[in-house]
Structures are given as C-alpha cells and as structure tokens.
PDB file of N, CA and C in Angstrom:
ATOM      1  N   UNK A   1      76.946 -32.314  -1.202  1.00  0.00           N
ATOM      2  CA  UNK A   1      75.606 -32.251  -1.854  1.00  0.00           C
ATOM      3  C   UNK A   1      74.890 -32.765  -0.781  1.00  0.00           C
ATOM      4  N   UNK A   2      75.581 -33.804   0.296  1.00  0.00           N
ATOM      5  CA  UNK A   2      74.398 -34.084   1.257  1.00  0.00           C
ATOM      6  C   UNK A   2      73.806 -32.848   2.065  1.00  0.00           C
ATOM      7  N   UNK A   3      74.752 -32.016   2.311  1.00  0.00           N
ATOM      8  CA  UNK A   3      74.112 -30.705   3.318  1.00  0.00           C
ATOM      9  C   UNK A   3      73.124 -29.901   2.337  1.00  0.00           C
ATOM     10  N   UNK A   4      72.960 -29.682   0.846  1.00  0.00           N
ATOM     11  CA  UNK A   4      72.117 -29.367   0.092  1.00  0.00           C
ATOM     12  C   UNK A   4      70.852 -29.666   0.170  1.00  0.00           C
ATOM     13  N   UNK A   5      70.875 -31.310   0.088  1.00  0.00           N
ATOM     14  CA  UNK A   5      69.751 -32.670   0.128  1.00  0.00           C
ATOM     15  C   UNK A   5      69.019 -32.442   1.665  1.00  0.00           C
ATOM     16  N   UNK A   6      69.953 -32.277   2.587  1.00  0.00           N
ATOM     17  CA  UNK A   6      69.386 -31.513   3.962  1.00  0.00           C
ATOM     18  C   UNK A   6      68.697 -30.754   3.749  1.00  0.00           C
ATOM     19  N   UNK A   7      69.390 -29.922   3.423  1.00  0.00           N
ATOM     20  CA  UNK A   7      68.560 -27.989   3.440  1.00  0.00           C
ATOM     21  C   UNK A   7      67.234 -27.874   2.811  1.00  0.00           C
ATOM     22  N   UNK A   8      67.427 -28.603   1.485  1.00  0.00           N
ATOM     23  CA  UNK A   8      65.806 -28.893   0.717  1.00  0.00           C
ATOM     24  C   UNK A   8      65.331 -29.919   1.536  1.00  0.00           C
ATOM     25  N   UNK A   9      65.404 -30.830   2.149  1.00  0.00           N
ATOM     26  CA  UNK A   9      64.372 -31.752   2.683  1.00  0.00           C
ATOM     27  C   UNK A   9      63.828 -31.058   4.080  1.00  0.00           C
ATOM     28  N   UNK A  10      64.734 -29.933   4.614  1.00  0.00           N
ATOM     29  CA  UNK A  10      63.713 -28.866   5.800  1.00  0.00           C
ATOM     30  C   UNK A  10      63.245 -28.275   5.409  1.00  0.00           C
ATOM     31  N   UNK A  11      63.434 -27.645   3.867  1.00  0.00           N
ATOM     32  CA  UNK A  11      62.659 -26.778   3.611  1.00  0.00           C
ATOM     33  C   UNK A  11      61.578 -27.619   2.898  1.00  0.00           C
ATOM     34  N   UNK A  12      61.651 -28.169   2.229  1.00  0.00           N
ATOM     35  CA  UNK A  12      60.037 -28.950   1.613  1.00  0.00           C
ATOM     36  C   UNK A  12      59.472 -29.622   2.687  1.00  0.00           C
ATOM     37  N   UNK A  13      59.367 -29.673   4.240  1.00  0.00           N
ATOM     38  CA  UNK A  13      58.812 -30.277   5.072  1.00  0.00           C
ATOM     39  C   UNK A  13      57.617 -29.306   5.279  1.00  0.00           C
ATOM     40  N   UNK A  14      56.282 -30.057   5.206  1.00  0.00           N
ATOM     41  CA  UNK A  14      55.148 -29.609   5.660  1.00  0.00           C
ATOM     42  C   UNK A  14      55.017 -29.588   6.857  1.00  0.00           C
ATOM     43  N   UNK A  15      54.188 -28.041   7.282  1.00  0.00           N
ATOM     44  CA  UNK A  15      54.148 -27.838   8.808  1.00  0.00           C
ATOM     45  C   UNK A  15      53.020 -28.790   9.525  1.00  0.00           C
ATOM     46  N   UNK A  16      53.029 -29.079  10.861  1.00  0.00           N
ATOM     47  CA  UNK A  16      52.436 -30.039  11.498  1.00  0.00           C
ATOM     48  C   UNK A  16      50.832 -28.969  11.893  1.00  0.00           C
ATOM     49  N   UNK A  17      51.194 -27.556  12.142  1.00  0.00           N
ATOM     50  CA  UNK A  17      49.922 -27.161  12.732  1.00  0.00           C
ATOM     51  C   UNK A  17      49.894 -26.119  11.550  1.00  0.00           C
ATOM     52  N   UNK A  18      48.675 -26.387  10.809  1.00  0.00           N
ATOM     53  CA  UNK A  18      48.316 -25.278   9.907  1.00  0.00           C
ATOM     54  C   UNK A  18      47.708 -23.870  10.453  1.00  0.00           C
ATOM     55  N   UNK A  19      48.087 -23.972  11.711  1.00  0.00           N
ATOM     56  CA  UNK A  19      47.275 -22.673  12.087  1.00  0.00           C
ATOM     57  C   UNK A  19      48.401 -21.271  12.499  1.00  0.00           C
ATOM     58  N   UNK A  20      49.714 -21.920  12.434  1.00  0.00           N
ATOM     59  CA  UNK A  20      51.021 -20.951  12.800  1.00  0.00           C
ATOM     60  C   UNK A  20      51.594 -20.933  11.000  1.00  0.00           C
ATOM     61  N   UNK A  21      51.865 -19.765  10.596  1.00  0.00           N
ATOM     62  CA  UNK A  21      52.273 -19.178   9.699  1.00  0.00           C
ATOM     63  C   UNK A  21      53.709 -19.921   9.671  1.00  0.00           C
ATOM     64  N   UNK A  22      54.301 -19.502  10.422  1.00  0.00           N
ATOM     65  CA  UNK A  22      55.954 -19.066  10.919  1.00  0.00           C
ATOM     66  C   UNK A  22      56.468 -17.921  10.190  1.00  0.00           C
ATOM     67  N   UNK A  23      57.774 -17.678  11.092  1.00  0.00           N
ATOM     68  CA  UNK A  23      58.507 -15.937  10.782  1.00  0.00           C
ATOM     69  C   UNK A  23      58.943 -16.488   9.307  1.00  0.00           C
ATOM     70  N   UNK A  24      59.095 -17.596   9.056  1.00  0.00           N
ATOM     71  CA  UNK A  24      60.053 -17.404   7.722  1.00  0.00           C
ATOM     72  C   UNK A  24      59.192 -17.144   6.720  1.00  0.00           C
ATOM     73  N   UNK A  25      57.836 -17.483   6.564  1.00  0.00           N
ATOM     74  CA  UNK A  25      56.976 -17.285   5.654  1.00  0.00           C
ATOM     75  C   UNK A  25      56.532 -16.237   5.717  1.00  0.00           C
ATOM     76  N   UNK A  26      56.587 -15.691   6.729  1.00  0.00           N
ATOM     77  CA  UNK A  26      55.731 -14.506   7.115  1.00  0.00           C
ATOM     78  C   UNK A  26      57.267 -13.206   6.391  1.00  0.00           C
ATOM     79  N   UNK A  27      58.400 -13.508   6.915  1.00  0.00           N
ATOM     80  CA  UNK A  27      59.290 -12.426   6.546  1.00  0.00           C
ATOM     81  C   UNK A  27      59.095 -12.647   4.849  1.00  0.00           C
ATOM     82  N   UNK A  28      59.424 -14.023   4.107  1.00  0.00           N
ATOM     83  CA  UNK A  28      59.272 -14.210   2.891  1.00  0.00           C
ATOM     84  C   UNK A  28      57.934 -13.018   2.204  1.00  0.00           C
ATOM     85  N   UNK A  29      57.106 -13.142   2.838  1.00  0.00           N
ATOM     86  CA  UNK A  29      55.973 -12.836   2.372  1.00  0.00           C
ATOM     87  C   UNK A  29      56.099 -11.326   2.292  1.00  0.00           C
ATOM     88  N   UNK A  30      56.677 -11.063   3.680  1.00  0.00           N
ATOM     89  CA  UNK A  30      56.118  -9.199   3.406  1.00  0.00           C
ATOM     90  C   UNK A  30      57.600  -8.573   2.494  1.00  0.00           C
ATOM     91  N   UNK A  31      58.949  -9.310   2.650  1.00  0.00           N
ATOM     92  CA  UNK A  31      59.528  -8.523   1.483  1.00  0.00           C
ATOM     93  C   UNK A  31      59.364  -9.016   0.028  1.00  0.00           C
ATOM     94  N   UNK A  32      59.316 -10.285  -0.156  1.00  0.00           N
ATOM     95  CA  UNK A  32      59.358 -10.662  -1.095  1.00  0.00           C
ATOM     96  C   UNK A  32      58.117  -9.860  -1.877  1.00  0.00           C
ATOM     97  N   UNK A  33      56.591  -9.908  -1.581  1.00  0.00           N
ATOM     98  CA  UNK A  33      55.987  -9.475  -2.089  1.00  0.00           C
ATOM     99  C   UNK A  33      56.035  -8.061  -2.141  1.00  0.00           C
ATOM    100  N   UNK A  34      56.994  -7.298  -1.697  1.00  0.00           N
ATOM    101  CA  UNK A  34      57.303  -6.234  -1.549  1.00  0.00           C
ATOM    102  C   UNK A  34      58.295  -6.024  -2.847  1.00  0.00           C
ATOM    103  N   UNK A  35      59.226  -6.641  -2.817  1.00  0.00           N
ATOM    104  CA  UNK A  35      59.874  -6.796  -4.080  1.00  0.00           C
ATOM    105  C   UNK A  35      59.259  -7.042  -5.625  1.00  0.00           C
ATOM    106  N   UNK A  36      58.132  -8.416  -5.392  1.00  0.00           N
ATOM    107  CA  UNK A  36      57.636  -8.373  -6.738  1.00  0.00           C
ATOM    108  C   UNK A  36      56.816  -7.143  -7.196  1.00  0.00           C
ATOM    109  N   UNK A  37      55.848  -6.306  -5.984  1.00  0.00           N
ATOM    110  CA  UNK A  37      55.425  -5.658  -6.508  1.00  0.00           C
ATOM    111  C   UNK A  37      55.957  -4.313  -7.243  1.00  0.00           C
ATOM    112  N   UNK A  38      57.075  -4.116  -6.606  1.00  0.00           N
ATOM    113  CA  UNK A  38      58.011  -2.916  -7.008  1.00  0.00           C
ATOM    114  C   UNK A  38      58.413  -3.566  -8.410  1.00  0.00           C
ATOM    115  N   UNK A  39      59.061  -4.682  -8.603  1.00  0.00           N
ATOM    116  CA  UNK A  39      59.633  -5.202 -10.030  1.00  0.00           C
ATOM    117  C   UNK A  39      57.834  -5.002 -10.985  1.00  0.00           C
ATOM    118  N   UNK A  40      56.860  -5.182 -10.542  1.00  0.00           N
ATOM    119  CA  UNK A  40      56.056  -5.401 -11.566  1.00  0.00           C
ATOM    120  C   UNK A  40      55.221  -4.103 -11.984  1.00  0.00           C
ATOM    121  N   UNK A  41      55.697  -3.012 -11.040  1.00  0.00           N
ATOM    122  CA  UNK A  41      55.287  -1.933 -11.016  1.00  0.00           C
ATOM    123  C   UNK A  41      56.494  -1.067 -11.925  1.00  0.00           C
ATOM    124  N   UNK A  42      57.313  -1.522 -11.589  1.00  0.00           N
ATOM    125  CA  UNK A  42      58.720  -0.655 -12.904  1.00  0.00           C
ATOM    126  C   UNK A  42      58.351  -1.283 -14.491  1.00  0.00           C
ATOM    127  N   UNK A  43      57.781  -2.491 -14.414  1.00  0.00           N
ATOM    128  CA  UNK A  43      57.332  -3.255 -15.704  1.00  0.00           C
ATOM    129  C   UNK A  43      56.184  -2.571 -16.434  1.00  0.00           C
ATOM    130  N   UNK A  44      55.140  -2.256 -15.758  1.00  0.00           N
ATOM    131  CA  UNK A  44      54.115  -1.831 -15.668  1.00  0.00           C
ATOM    132  C   UNK A  44      54.246  -0.393 -16.715  1.00  0.00           C
ATOM    133  N   UNK A  45      55.622   0.415 -16.013  1.00  0.00           N
ATOM    134  CA  UNK A  45      55.641   1.799 -16.408  1.00  0.00           C
ATOM    135  C   UNK A  45      56.519   1.578 -17.667  1.00  0.00           C
ATOM    136  N   UNK A  46      57.425   0.424 -17.847  1.00  0.00           N
ATOM    137  CA  UNK A  46      57.499   0.105 -19.438  1.00  0.00           C
ATOM    138  C   UNK A  46      56.439  -0.002 -20.441  1.00  0.00           C
ATOM    139  N   UNK A  47      55.326  -1.032 -19.954  1.00  0.00           N
ATOM    140  CA  UNK A  47      54.521  -1.235 -20.642  1.00  0.00           C
ATOM    141  C   UNK A  47      53.651  -0.354 -20.978  1.00  0.00           C
ATOM    142  N   UNK A  48      53.253   0.165 -20.281  1.00  0.00           N
ATOM    143  CA  UNK A  48      52.298   1.365 -20.813  1.00  0.00           C
ATOM    144  C   UNK A  48      52.715   2.146 -21.456  1.00  0.00           C
ATOM    145  N   UNK A  49      51.451   2.363 -22.637  1.00  0.00           N
ATOM    146  CA  UNK A  49      52.409   3.666 -23.708  1.00  0.00           C
ATOM    147  C   UNK A  49      51.978   5.192 -22.985  1.00  0.00           C
ATOM    148  N   UNK A  50      52.786   6.051 -23.428  1.00  0.00           N
ATOM    149  CA  UNK A  50      52.626   7.471 -23.532  1.00  0.00           C
ATOM    150  C   UNK A  50      54.289   7.479 -22.568  1.00  0.00           C
ATOM    151  N   UNK A  51      54.404   8.824 -22.145  1.00  0.00           N
ATOM    152  CA  UNK A  51      55.932   8.945 -21.481  1.00  0.00           C
ATOM    153  C   UNK A  51      55.851   8.540 -20.210  1.00  0.00           C
ATOM    154  N   UNK A  52      56.895   8.499 -19.438  1.00  0.00           N
ATOM    155  CA  UNK A  52      56.890   7.953 -18.321  1.00  0.00           C
ATOM    156  C   UNK A  52      56.098   8.935 -16.985  1.00  0.00           C
ATOM    157  N   UNK A  53      56.106   9.988 -17.443  1.00  0.00           N
ATOM    158  CA  UNK A  53      55.768  10.776 -16.411  1.00  0.00           C
ATOM    159  C   UNK A  53      54.089  10.680 -16.146  1.00  0.00           C
ATOM    160  N   UNK A  54      53.662  10.107 -17.364  1.00  0.00           N
ATOM    161  CA  UNK A  54      52.484   9.786 -17.443  1.00  0.00           C
ATOM    162  C   UNK A  54      51.593   8.366 -17.183  1.00  0.00           C
ATOM    163  N   UNK A  55      52.511   7.408 -17.794  1.00  0.00           N
ATOM    164  CA  UNK A  55      52.331   6.385 -17.422  1.00  0.00           C
ATOM    165  C   UNK A  55      52.910   5.987 -15.813  1.00  0.00           C
ATOM    166  N   UNK A  56      53.307   6.670 -14.661  1.00  0.00           N
ATOM    167  CA  UNK A  56      53.805   6.778 -13.653  1.00  0.00           C
ATOM    168  C   UNK A  56      52.668   6.530 -12.797  1.00  0.00           C
ATOM    169  N   UNK A  57      51.278   7.137 -12.932  1.00  0.00           N
ATOM    170  CA  UNK A  57      50.548   7.473 -11.801  1.00  0.00           C
ATOM    171  C   UNK A  57      49.825   6.057 -11.762  1.00  0.00           C
ATOM    172  N   UNK A  58      49.592   5.048 -12.671  1.00  0.00           N
ATOM    173  CA  UNK A  58      48.846   3.369 -12.479  1.00  0.00           C
ATOM    174  C   UNK A  58      49.438   3.081 -11.768  1.00  0.00           C
ATOM    175  N   UNK A  59      50.657   2.672 -11.937  1.00  0.00           N
ATOM    176  CA  UNK A  59      51.571   1.301 -10.959  1.00  0.00           C
ATOM    177  C   UNK A  59      51.472   2.239  -9.377  1.00  0.00           C
ATOM    178  N   UNK A  60      51.973   3.234  -8.990  1.00  0.00           N
ATOM    179  CA  UNK A  60      51.505   3.874  -8.062  1.00  0.00           C
ATOM    180  C   UNK A  60      50.681   3.658  -7.291  1.00  0.00           C
ATOM    181  N   UNK A  61      49.690   3.857  -7.895  1.00  0.00           N
ATOM    182  CA  UNK A  61      47.477   3.695  -7.202  1.00  0.00           C
ATOM    183  C   UNK A  61      48.061   2.189  -7.203  1.00  0.00           C
ATOM    184  N   UNK A  62      48.387   1.378  -8.264  1.00  0.00           N
ATOM    185  CA  UNK A  62      47.985  -0.408  -7.626  1.00  0.00           C
ATOM    186  C   UNK A  62      48.962  -0.549  -7.063  1.00  0.00           C
ATOM    187  N   UNK A  63      49.950  -0.152  -6.428  1.00  0.00           N
ATOM    188  CA  UNK A  63      51.311  -0.996  -6.120  1.00  0.00           C
ATOM    189  C   UNK A  63      50.860  -1.533  -4.814  1.00  0.00           C
ATOM    190  N   UNK A  64      50.083  -0.920  -3.850  1.00  0.00           N
ATOM    191  CA  UNK A  64      49.445  -1.817  -2.801  1.00  0.00           C
ATOM    192  C   UNK A  64      48.797  -2.778  -2.585  1.00  0.00           C
ATOM    193  N   UNK A  65      47.675  -2.908  -3.843  1.00  0.00           N
ATOM    194  CA  UNK A  65      47.069  -3.727  -3.975  1.00  0.00           C
ATOM    195  C   UNK A  65      47.680  -5.162  -4.499  1.00  0.00           C
ATOM    196  N   UNK A  66      48.698  -4.708  -5.357  1.00  0.00           N
ATOM    197  CA  UNK A  66      49.641  -6.077  -5.897  1.00  0.00           C
ATOM    198  C   UNK A  66      50.440  -6.327  -4.567  1.00  0.00           C
ATOM    199  N   UNK A  67      50.994  -5.456  -3.617  1.00  0.00           N
ATOM    200  CA  UNK A  67      51.565  -5.647  -2.465  1.00  0.00           C
ATOM    201  C   UNK A  67      51.129  -6.924  -1.703  1.00  0.00           C
ATOM    202  N   UNK A  68      50.209  -6.277  -1.720  1.00  0.00           N
ATOM    203  CA  UNK A  68      49.104  -7.313  -0.553  1.00  0.00           C
ATOM    204  C   UNK A  68      48.474  -8.782  -1.165  1.00  0.00           C
ATOM    205  N   UNK A  69      48.177  -8.644  -2.675  1.00  0.00           N
ATOM    206  CA  UNK A  69      48.151 -10.217  -3.030  1.00  0.00           C
ATOM    207  C   UNK A  69      49.242 -10.855  -3.243  1.00  0.00           C
ATOM    208  N   UNK A  70      50.528 -10.155  -3.704  1.00  0.00           N
ATOM    209  CA  UNK A  70      51.335 -11.239  -3.602  1.00  0.00           C
ATOM    210  C   UNK A  70      52.003 -11.590  -2.081  1.00  0.00           C
ATOM    211  N   UNK A  71      52.064 -10.864  -1.267  1.00  0.00           N
ATOM    212  CA  UNK A  71      52.274 -11.097   0.156  1.00  0.00           C
ATOM    213  C   UNK A  71      51.389 -12.590   0.823  1.00  0.00           C
ATOM    214  N   UNK A  72      50.172 -12.324  -0.030  1.00  0.00           N
ATOM    215  CA  UNK A  72      48.931 -12.991   0.632  1.00  0.00           C
ATOM    216  C   UNK A  72      49.506 -14.805  -0.307  1.00  0.00           C
ATOM    217  N   UNK A  73      49.608 -14.407  -1.788  1.00  0.00           N
ATOM    218  CA  UNK A  73      50.146 -15.825  -2.242  1.00  0.00           C
ATOM    219  C   UNK A  73      51.541 -16.119  -1.952  1.00  0.00           C
ATOM    220  N   UNK A  74      52.157 -15.745  -1.035  1.00  0.00           N
ATOM    221  CA  UNK A  74      53.530 -16.213  -0.764  1.00  0.00           C
ATOM    222  C   UNK A  74      52.926 -16.796   0.601  1.00  0.00           C
ATOM    223  N   UNK A  75      52.007 -15.624   1.559  1.00  0.00           N
ATOM    224  CA  UNK A  75      52.383 -16.717   2.648  1.00  0.00           C
ATOM    225  C   UNK A  75      51.621 -17.878   2.814  1.00  0.00           C
ATOM    226  N   UNK A  76      50.241 -18.038   1.979  1.00  0.00           N
ATOM    227  CA  UNK A  76      49.797 -19.482   1.788  1.00  0.00           C
ATOM    228  C   UNK A  76      50.313 -20.783   1.242  1.00  0.00           C
ATOM    229  N   UNK A  77      51.882 -20.680   0.824  1.00  0.00           N
ATOM    230  CA  UNK A  77      52.664 -21.505   0.402  1.00  0.00           C
ATOM    231  C   UNK A  77      52.469 -22.796   1.488  1.00  0.00           C
ATOM    232  N   UNK A  78      52.074 -23.885   1.038  1.00  0.00           N
ATOM    233  CA  UNK A  78      52.574 -25.137   1.874  1.00  0.00           C
ATOM    234  C   UNK A  78      53.464 -25.212   2.613  1.00  0.00           C
ATOM    235  N   UNK A  79      55.162 -25.141   2.158  1.00  0.00           N
ATOM    236  CA  UNK A  79      55.735 -25.279   2.389  1.00  0.00           C
ATOM    237  C   UNK A  79      56.929 -23.887   2.351  1.00  0.00           C
ATOM    238  N   UNK A  80      57.856 -24.078   3.188  1.00  0.00           N
ATOM    239  CA  UNK A  80      59.305 -23.150   3.306  1.00  0.00           C
ATOM    240  C   UNK A  80      59.535 -22.963   1.563  1.00  0.00           C
ATOM    241  N   UNK A  81      60.015 -24.308   0.882  1.00  0.00           N
ATOM    242  CA  UNK A  81      60.290 -24.079  -0.340  1.00  0.00           C
ATOM    243  C   UNK A  81      59.439 -23.751  -1.015  1.00  0.00           C
ATOM    244  N   UNK A  82      58.276 -24.100  -1.605  1.00  0.00           N
ATOM    245  CA  UNK A  82      57.505 -23.294  -1.995  1.00  0.00           C
ATOM    246  C   UNK A  82      57.140 -21.804  -1.849  1.00  0.00           C
ATOM    247  N   UNK A  83      57.273 -21.176  -0.710  1.00  0.00           N
ATOM    248  CA  UNK A  83      56.826 -19.851  -0.283  1.00  0.00           C
ATOM    249  C   UNK A  83      58.440 -19.461  -1.017  1.00  0.00           C
ATOM    250  N   UNK A  84      59.958 -19.844  -1.352  1.00  0.00           N
ATOM    251  CA  UNK A  84      61.105 -19.291  -1.444  1.00  0.00           C
ATOM    252  C   UNK A  84      60.810 -19.420  -2.813  1.00  0.00           C
ATOM    253  N   UNK A  85      60.108 -20.367  -3.630  1.00  0.00           N
ATOM    254  CA  UNK A  85      59.941 -20.433  -5.088  1.00  0.00           C
ATOM    255  C   UNK A  85      58.973 -19.392  -5.687  1.00  0.00           C
ATOM    256  N   UNK A  86      57.706 -19.251  -5.255  1.00  0.00           N
ATOM    257  CA  UNK A  86      57.331 -18.031  -5.288  1.00  0.00           C
ATOM    258  C   UNK A  86      57.529 -16.639  -5.061  1.00  0.00           C
ATOM    259  N   UNK A  87      58.846 -16.385  -4.209  1.00  0.00           N
ATOM    260  CA  UNK A  87      59.618 -15.067  -4.459  1.00  0.00           C
ATOM    261  C   UNK A  87      60.128 -14.952  -5.675  1.00  0.00           C
ATOM    262  N   UNK A  88      61.246 -15.949  -5.644  1.00  0.00           N
ATOM    263  CA  UNK A  88      62.429 -16.494  -6.797  1.00  0.00           C
ATOM    264  C   UNK A  88      62.438 -16.323  -8.175  1.00  0.00           C
ATOM    265  N   UNK A  89      61.265 -17.090  -8.824  1.00  0.00           N
ATOM    266  CA  UNK A  89      61.106 -17.317 -10.135  1.00  0.00           C
ATOM    267  C   UNK A  89      60.082 -16.146 -10.576  1.00  0.00           C
ATOM    268  N   UNK A  90      58.893 -15.827 -10.082  1.00  0.00           N
ATOM    269  CA  UNK A  90      58.697 -14.660 -10.833  1.00  0.00           C
ATOM    270  C   UNK A  90      59.367 -13.197 -10.639  1.00  0.00           C
ATOM    271  N   UNK A  91      60.457 -13.247  -9.901  1.00  0.00           N
ATOM    272  CA  UNK A  91      61.340 -11.851  -9.827  1.00  0.00           C
ATOM    273  C   UNK A  91      62.095 -12.212 -10.517  1.00  0.00           C
ATOM    274  N   UNK A  92      62.766 -13.421 -11.188  1.00  0.00           N
ATOM    275  CA  UNK A  92      63.760 -13.522 -11.887  1.00  0.00           C
ATOM    276  C   UNK A  92      62.702 -13.325 -13.515  1.00  0.00           C
ATOM    277  N   UNK A  93      62.042 -13.739 -13.666  1.00  0.00           N
ATOM    278  CA  UNK A  93      61.058 -13.454 -14.695  1.00  0.00           C
ATOM    279  C   UNK A  93      60.612 -12.014 -14.988  1.00  0.00           C
ATOM    280  N   UNK A  94      60.135 -11.442 -14.300  1.00  0.00           N
ATOM    281  CA  UNK A  94      60.267 -10.112 -13.887  1.00  0.00           C
ATOM    282  C   UNK A  94      61.410  -9.277 -14.546  1.00  0.00           C
ATOM    283  N   UNK A  95      62.548  -9.677 -14.091  1.00  0.00           N
ATOM    284  CA  UNK A  95      63.998  -9.063 -13.709  1.00  0.00           C
ATOM    285  C   UNK A  95      64.557  -9.503 -15.742  1.00  0.00           C
ATOM    286  N   UNK A  96      64.044 -10.429 -16.154  1.00  0.00           N
ATOM    287  CA  UNK A  96      64.563 -10.833 -17.340  1.00  0.00           C
ATOM    288  C   UNK A  96      63.609 -10.070 -18.297  1.00  0.00           C
ATOM    289  N   UNK A  97      62.319  -9.949 -18.324  1.00  0.00           N
ATOM    290  CA  UNK A  97      61.309  -9.047 -19.050  1.00  0.00           C
ATOM    291  C   UNK A  97      61.662  -6.937 -18.604  1.00  0.00           C
ATOM    292  N   UNK A  98      62.257  -6.583 -17.180  1.00  0.00           N
ATOM    293  CA  UNK A  98      63.092  -5.693 -17.213  1.00  0.00           C
ATOM    294  C   UNK A  98      64.027  -5.148 -18.215  1.00  0.00           C
ATOM    295  N   UNK A  99      64.916  -6.219 -18.048  1.00  0.00           N
ATOM    296  CA  UNK A  99      66.133  -5.743 -19.093  1.00  0.00           C
ATOM    297  C   UNK A  99      65.869  -5.979 -20.787  1.00  0.00           C
ATOM    298  N   UNK A 100      64.816  -6.854 -20.944  1.00  0.00           N
ATOM    299  CA  UNK A 100      64.199  -6.647 -22.463  1.00  0.00           C
ATOM    300  C   UNK A 100      63.670  -5.409 -22.868  1.00  0.00           C
ATOM    301  N   UNK A 101      62.578  -5.051 -21.968  1.00  0.00           N
ATOM    302  CA  UNK A 101      62.163  -3.726 -22.461  1.00  0.00           C
ATOM    303  C   UNK A 101      63.216  -2.802 -22.198  1.00  0.00           C
ATOM    304  N   UNK A 102      64.084  -2.878 -21.561  1.00  0.00           N
ATOM    305  CA  UNK A 102      64.932  -1.408 -20.968  1.00  0.00           C
ATOM    306  C   UNK A 102      65.704  -1.664 -22.202  1.00  0.00           C
ATOM    307  N   UNK A 103      66.335  -2.430 -23.107  1.00  0.00           N
ATOM    308  CA  UNK A 103      66.873  -2.440 -24.137  1.00  0.00           C
ATOM    309  C   UNK A 103      66.450  -2.503 -25.529  1.00  0.00           C
ATOM    310  N   UNK A 104      65.040  -1.742 -25.281  1.00  0.00           N
ATOM    311  CA  UNK A 104      64.282  -1.800 -26.663  1.00  0.00           C
ATOM    312  C   UNK A 104      64.408  -0.419 -27.259  1.00  0.00           C
TER     313      UNK A 104
END
C-alpha cells in the first residue's frame, strides 16, 4: 500500500516550472487525445441517424479537430495524475456508452 501511495504522491506533484510540459503529459496528450477522438468518432457513428455509410462522413471530418481539442485539454493539466484521469475517465465513459449502443 505504501508503494501505491508513493506513486500517487509522485504523480500528483505540481510542476515547479510552468514553462515545461514534460514528456509524460506530452505522450498522454498525443496518444490519449487520439484514443479519445477515435472513441468519440465511433460513438458518433452510432448516435447519428441513418445508415453507417451515411453517418460515417461527419465523424471523419471532425476527427482531427476533436483530436486537437482533446490533446490540448489533456496537456494543460496541472499534474500528471490529472492528465491520466483526463485520459482514462472519458475513455471509460465512452467505452460504456459504446457497449450500450452496440447492444441496442
């Protein structure tokens, strides 16, 4: 339990210099933003009315802007822990919604 608490304390430490984003948050923002945008694009295909072929155009067009917005949102996190939560919590919510919409 002590190791987990030490890991939590290390991840929740605020950066001393606000000018450096850091490699961890950069990687989280690039790959997490891409993953979140793909999940959102897939969810949008299920939500939009019409056939899959017709409703596929809009998510493909908006994929790049959603990726950029998600990456920016993740990268401006104050700590590494917040950056991780900004990746995992929406991913979990989108995954649950995809399972629900897929089984309808």
